Amino acid sequence: MGLRESKIELEKKRAGRFILATNVLDRMELTKEEMLSKYKGQQSVERGFRFLKDPLFLTDSVFLKSPHRIEALGLIMGLCLLVYTLGQRQLRQTLSRTKSHVKNQLGRPTNRPTLRWIFQCFQSIHLLINSGVKSISNLTDERLELLKFFPPSCQRYYLLS
C-alpha cells in the first residue's frame, strides 16, 4: 500500500458516519451499496436536524437513561421534522401557486421562506382571556398578511375564521 492509499484509509476511518434505514429487509432485493447509492435525502434530513447543534437548544442537557427512551426521542424528533417539512412545503406551494412572496430576514421578497423564519415572525403573539373573552395581542397587518397563506385551521388559532 502506497503513501496515498494509507492516507486515504486513515481519512476513511476518521470520517463521520450516519445511519441509513429501510423497510426493505431482503438483502438480495436491496444491498447495502444499492441503498447508499439510492439514498437522496441525507442533506435535507441533516439540515433538518442542524438545530441540535444550536447552543440555544440545550441538547447537551438532555439525559436519557434507557435505550427505549432514546428510541422514543428519536421517533418524536423524526415526526416533528416531518410535520415541519410538510408545513414549510405547503407554505411554499401556496406562495408559488398564488405568485406571492413574503419578506425574508433581510426584508427582501422571497417565495421560499423557511418555516423557522415564519415562526419567529409570530413569536410575540399571545392569546389573552379577559372575563371569558378571547383576544389575540400583537397581531399586526404584516402577520395577518402571512396568515392568509395558511389553511383555515391555522387561521382559527388566531381567531380569524
C-alpha atoms as a PDB file:
ATOM      1  CA  MET A   1       0.000   0.000   0.000  1.00  0.00           C
ATOM      2  CA  GLY A   2       1.481   3.329  -1.071  1.00  0.00           C
ATOM      3  CA  LEU A   3       1.597   6.547   0.905  1.00  0.00           C
ATOM      4  CA  ARG A   4      -1.573   7.931  -0.678  1.00  0.00           C
ATOM      5  CA  GLU A   5      -3.562   4.744  -0.082  1.00  0.00           C
ATOM      6  CA  SER A   6      -2.604   4.673   3.597  1.00  0.00           C
ATOM      7  CA  LYS A   7      -3.599   8.323   3.963  1.00  0.00           C
ATOM      8  CA  ILE A   8      -6.941   7.586   2.272  1.00  0.00           C
ATOM      9  CA  GLU A   9      -7.546   4.648   4.609  1.00  0.00           C
ATOM     10  CA  LEU A  10      -6.727   6.825   7.621  1.00  0.00           C
ATOM     11  CA  GLU A  11      -9.175   9.502   6.447  1.00  0.00           C
ATOM     12  CA  LYS A  12     -11.868   6.866   5.871  1.00  0.00           C
ATOM     13  CA  LYS A  13     -11.504   5.728   9.474  1.00  0.00           C
ATOM     14  CA  ARG A  14     -11.751   9.314  10.739  1.00  0.00           C
ATOM     15  CA  ALA A  15     -14.774  10.175   8.597  1.00  0.00           C
ATOM     16  CA  GLY A  16     -18.111  10.696  10.273  1.00  0.00           C
ATOM     17  CA  ARG A  17     -20.878   8.179   9.998  1.00  0.00           C
ATOM     18  CA  PHE A  18     -24.604   8.333   9.552  1.00  0.00           C
ATOM     19  CA  ILE A  19     -27.428   5.828   9.739  1.00  0.00           C
ATOM     20  CA  LEU A  20     -29.424   4.628   6.766  1.00  0.00           C
ATOM     21  CA  ALA A  21     -32.613   2.715   7.441  1.00  0.00           C
ATOM     22  CA  THR A  22     -35.049   0.950   5.158  1.00  0.00           C
ATOM     23  CA  ASN A  23     -38.141  -1.179   5.392  1.00  0.00           C
ATOM     24  CA  VAL A  24     -36.757  -3.497   2.679  1.00  0.00           C
ATOM     25  CA  LEU A  25     -35.437  -6.373   4.778  1.00  0.00           C
ATOM     26  CA  ASP A  26     -34.399  -8.736   1.989  1.00  0.00           C
ATOM     27  CA  ARG A  27     -30.654  -8.181   1.402  1.00  0.00           C
ATOM     28  CA  MET A  28     -30.957  -9.767  -2.032  1.00  0.00           C
ATOM     29  CA  GLU A  29     -33.572  -7.170  -3.031  1.00  0.00           C
ATOM     30  CA  LEU A  30     -31.574  -4.164  -1.759  1.00  0.00           C
ATOM     31  CA  THR A  31     -27.884  -4.430  -0.935  1.00  0.00           C
ATOM     32  CA  LYS A  32     -26.092  -2.001   1.354  1.00  0.00           C
ATOM     33  CA  GLU A  33     -24.315  -0.488  -1.623  1.00  0.00           C
ATOM     34  CA  GLU A  34     -27.595  -0.014  -3.555  1.00  0.00           C
ATOM     35  CA  MET A  35     -29.256   1.566  -0.534  1.00  0.00           C
ATOM     36  CA  LEU A  36     -26.391   4.025  -0.188  1.00  0.00           C
ATOM     37  CA  SER A  37     -26.421   4.896  -3.889  1.00  0.00           C
ATOM     38  CA  LYS A  38     -30.227   5.372  -3.939  1.00  0.00           C
ATOM     39  CA  TYR A  39     -30.352   7.449  -0.781  1.00  0.00           C
ATOM     40  CA  LYS A  40     -31.083  11.030  -1.723  1.00  0.00           C
ATOM     41  CA  GLY A  41     -32.433  12.650   1.448  1.00  0.00           C
ATOM     42  CA  GLN A  42     -29.270  12.824   3.516  1.00  0.00           C
ATOM     43  CA  GLN A  43     -28.623  16.527   3.066  1.00  0.00           C
ATOM     44  CA  SER A  44     -32.172  17.680   3.778  1.00  0.00           C
ATOM     45  CA  VAL A  45     -32.505  15.410   6.801  1.00  0.00           C
ATOM     46  CA  GLU A  46     -29.189  16.592   8.188  1.00  0.00           C
ATOM     47  CA  ARG A  47     -30.214  20.206   7.563  1.00  0.00           C
ATOM     48  CA  GLY A  48     -33.468  19.492   9.380  1.00  0.00           C
ATOM     49  CA  PHE A  49     -31.639  18.352  12.482  1.00  0.00           C
ATOM     50  CA  ARG A  50     -28.960  21.076  12.493  1.00  0.00           C
ATOM     51  CA  PHE A  51     -30.874  22.798  15.285  1.00  0.00           C
ATOM     52  CA  LEU A  52     -29.430  20.128  17.598  1.00  0.00           C
ATOM     53  CA  LYS A  53     -26.048  21.850  17.297  1.00  0.00           C
ATOM     54  CA  ASP A  54     -27.510  25.222  18.254  1.00  0.00           C
ATOM     55  CA  PRO A  55     -26.389  26.122  21.816  1.00  0.00           C
ATOM     56  CA  LEU A  56     -29.817  27.659  22.458  1.00  0.00           C
ATOM     57  CA  PHE A  57     -31.432  24.242  22.009  1.00  0.00           C
ATOM     58  CA  LEU A  58     -29.575  22.868  25.069  1.00  0.00           C
ATOM     59  CA  THR A  59     -29.125  19.395  23.577  1.00  0.00           C
ATOM     60  CA  ASP A  60     -26.300  18.654  25.966  1.00  0.00           C
ATOM     61  CA  SER A  61     -28.722  18.940  28.904  1.00  0.00           C
ATOM     62  CA  VAL A  62     -30.888  16.006  27.724  1.00  0.00           C
ATOM     63  CA  PHE A  63     -30.106  12.812  29.609  1.00  0.00           C
ATOM     64  CA  LEU A  64     -31.888   9.584  28.727  1.00  0.00           C
ATOM     65  CA  LYS A  65     -31.146   6.501  30.777  1.00  0.00           C
ATOM     66  CA  SER A  66     -32.658   3.726  28.686  1.00  0.00           C
ATOM     67  CA  PRO A  67     -32.397   2.709  25.029  1.00  0.00           C
ATOM     68  CA  HIS A  68     -36.218   2.757  24.810  1.00  0.00           C
ATOM     69  CA  ARG A  69     -36.307   6.432  25.770  1.00  0.00           C
ATOM     70  CA  ILE A  70     -33.578   7.247  23.261  1.00  0.00           C
ATOM     71  CA  GLU A  71     -35.590   5.454  20.561  1.00  0.00           C
ATOM     72  CA  ALA A  72     -38.749   7.302  21.601  1.00  0.00           C
ATOM     73  CA  LEU A  73     -36.990  10.670  21.467  1.00  0.00           C
ATOM     74  CA  GLY A  74     -35.602   9.813  18.029  1.00  0.00           C
ATOM     75  CA  LEU A  75     -39.078   8.890  16.807  1.00  0.00           C
ATOM     76  CA  ILE A  76     -40.625  12.075  18.181  1.00  0.00           C
ATOM     77  CA  MET A  77     -37.885  14.192  16.626  1.00  0.00           C
ATOM     78  CA  GLY A  78     -38.346  12.456  13.283  1.00  0.00           C
ATOM     79  CA  LEU A  79     -42.099  13.082  13.409  1.00  0.00           C
ATOM     80  CA  CYS A  80     -41.524  16.726  14.327  1.00  0.00           C
ATOM     81  CA  LEU A  81     -39.176  17.136  11.376  1.00  0.00           C
ATOM     82  CA  LEU A  82     -41.797  15.533   9.111  1.00  0.00           C
ATOM     83  CA  VAL A  83     -44.528  17.928  10.303  1.00  0.00           C
ATOM     84  CA  TYR A  84     -42.173  20.910   9.992  1.00  0.00           C
ATOM     85  CA  THR A  85     -41.164  19.898   6.449  1.00  0.00           C
ATOM     86  CA  LEU A  86     -44.773  19.386   5.379  1.00  0.00           C
ATOM     87  CA  GLY A  87     -45.762  22.792   6.783  1.00  0.00           C
ATOM     88  CA  GLN A  88     -42.883  24.515   5.011  1.00  0.00           C
ATOM     89  CA  ARG A  89     -43.716  22.689   1.775  1.00  0.00           C
ATOM     90  CA  GLN A  90     -47.377  23.699   1.982  1.00  0.00           C
ATOM     91  CA  LEU A  91     -46.439  27.337   2.614  1.00  0.00           C
ATOM     92  CA  ARG A  92     -44.011  27.422  -0.318  1.00  0.00           C
ATOM     93  CA  GLN A  93     -46.509  25.742  -2.647  1.00  0.00           C
ATOM     94  CA  THR A  94     -49.174  28.286  -1.681  1.00  0.00           C
ATOM     95  CA  LEU A  95     -46.777  31.162  -2.312  1.00  0.00           C
ATOM     96  CA  SER A  96     -45.796  29.687  -5.672  1.00  0.00           C
ATOM     97  CA  ARG A  97     -49.395  28.947  -6.711  1.00  0.00           C
ATOM     98  CA  THR A  98     -50.576  32.468  -5.840  1.00  0.00           C
ATOM     99  CA  LYS A  99     -47.396  34.042  -7.280  1.00  0.00           C
ATOM    100  CA  SER A 100     -46.893  35.771  -3.937  1.00  0.00           C
ATOM    101  CA  HIS A 101     -43.924  36.405  -1.697  1.00  0.00           C
ATOM    102  CA  VAL A 102     -43.107  37.288   1.889  1.00  0.00           C
ATOM    103  CA  LYS A 103     -40.215  39.263   3.320  1.00  0.00           C
ATOM    104  CA  ASN A 104     -37.180  37.343   4.471  1.00  0.00           C
ATOM    105  CA  GLN A 105     -34.918  38.255   7.402  1.00  0.00           C
ATOM    106  CA  LEU A 106     -33.277  40.974   5.304  1.00  0.00           C
ATOM    107  CA  GLY A 107     -36.614  42.458   4.210  1.00  0.00           C
ATOM    108  CA  ARG A 108     -36.273  41.130   0.667  1.00  0.00           C
ATOM    109  CA  PRO A 109     -39.136  39.313  -1.058  1.00  0.00           C
ATOM    110  CA  THR A 110     -38.938  35.523  -1.269  1.00  0.00           C
ATOM    111  CA  ASN A 111     -41.311  32.727  -2.203  1.00  0.00           C
ATOM    112  CA  ARG A 112     -39.147  30.145  -0.393  1.00  0.00           C
ATOM    113  CA  PRO A 113     -39.094  31.210   3.275  1.00  0.00           C
ATOM    114  CA  THR A 114     -38.152  28.783   5.986  1.00  0.00           C
ATOM    115  CA  LEU A 115     -40.891  27.866   8.392  1.00  0.00           C
ATOM    116  CA  ARG A 116     -38.480  28.729  11.196  1.00  0.00           C
ATOM    117  CA  TRP A 117     -38.438  32.333   9.975  1.00  0.00           C
ATOM    118  CA  ILE A 118     -42.240  32.412   9.852  1.00  0.00           C
ATOM    119  CA  PHE A 119     -42.384  31.013  13.403  1.00  0.00           C
ATOM    120  CA  GLN A 120     -40.017  33.768  14.528  1.00  0.00           C
ATOM    121  CA  CYS A 121     -42.339  36.355  12.972  1.00  0.00           C
ATOM    122  CA  PHE A 122     -45.135  35.050  15.212  1.00  0.00           C
ATOM    123  CA  GLN A 123     -43.119  34.811  18.436  1.00  0.00           C
ATOM    124  CA  SER A 124     -44.626  37.741  20.300  1.00  0.00           C
ATOM    125  CA  ILE A 125     -48.285  36.934  19.634  1.00  0.00           C
ATOM    126  CA  HIS A 126     -50.302  35.909  22.690  1.00  0.00           C
ATOM    127  CA  LEU A 127     -53.803  34.675  23.458  1.00  0.00           C
ATOM    128  CA  LEU A 128     -55.449  36.822  26.107  1.00  0.00           C
ATOM    129  CA  ILE A 129     -58.549  35.769  28.015  1.00  0.00           C
ATOM    130  CA  ASN A 130     -60.226  38.553  29.952  1.00  0.00           C
ATOM    131  CA  SER A 131     -63.588  37.816  31.642  1.00  0.00           C
ATOM    132  CA  GLY A 132     -64.020  34.826  29.324  1.00  0.00           C
ATOM    133  CA  VAL A 133     -63.423  36.880  26.175  1.00  0.00           C
ATOM    134  CA  LYS A 134     -60.549  35.671  23.985  1.00  0.00           C
ATOM    135  CA  SER A 135     -58.383  38.083  22.035  1.00  0.00           C
ATOM    136  CA  ILE A 136     -55.020  37.999  20.300  1.00  0.00           C
ATOM    137  CA  SER A 137     -52.317  40.544  21.119  1.00  0.00           C
ATOM    138  CA  ASN A 138     -49.701  41.851  18.676  1.00  0.00           C
ATOM    139  CA  LEU A 139     -51.465  40.612  15.539  1.00  0.00           C
ATOM    140  CA  THR A 140     -50.051  43.213  13.129  1.00  0.00           C
ATOM    141  CA  ASP A 141     -51.003  43.776   9.492  1.00  0.00           C
ATOM    142  CA  GLU A 142     -47.791  42.038   8.415  1.00  0.00           C
ATOM    143  CA  ARG A 143     -48.673  38.944  10.477  1.00  0.00           C
ATOM    144  CA  LEU A 144     -52.240  38.966   9.159  1.00  0.00           C
ATOM    145  CA  GLU A 145     -50.785  39.044   5.639  1.00  0.00           C
ATOM    146  CA  LEU A 146     -48.644  35.965   6.457  1.00  0.00           C
ATOM    147  CA  LEU A 147     -51.632  34.116   7.868  1.00  0.00           C
ATOM    148  CA  LYS A 148     -53.516  34.279   4.565  1.00  0.00           C
ATOM    149  CA  PHE A 149     -51.024  31.737   3.169  1.00  0.00           C
ATOM    150  CA  PHE A 150     -52.009  29.159   5.799  1.00  0.00           C
ATOM    151  CA  PRO A 151     -55.136  26.979   5.871  1.00  0.00           C
ATOM    152  CA  PRO A 152     -58.259  27.938   7.867  1.00  0.00           C
ATOM    153  CA  SER A 153     -57.250  25.587  10.703  1.00  0.00           C
ATOM    154  CA  CYS A 154     -54.167  27.765  11.347  1.00  0.00           C
ATOM    155  CA  GLN A 155     -56.167  30.964  10.979  1.00  0.00           C
ATOM    156  CA  ARG A 156     -58.702  29.737  13.572  1.00  0.00           C
ATOM    157  CA  TYR A 157     -55.883  29.507  16.080  1.00  0.00           C
ATOM    158  CA  TYR A 158     -55.582  33.290  15.768  1.00  0.00           C
ATOM    159  CA  LEU A 159     -59.378  33.700  15.994  1.00  0.00           C
ATOM    160  CA  LEU A 160     -59.660  34.672  12.316  1.00  0.00           C
ATOM    161  CA  SER A 161     -62.051  32.133  10.827  1.00  0.00           C
END
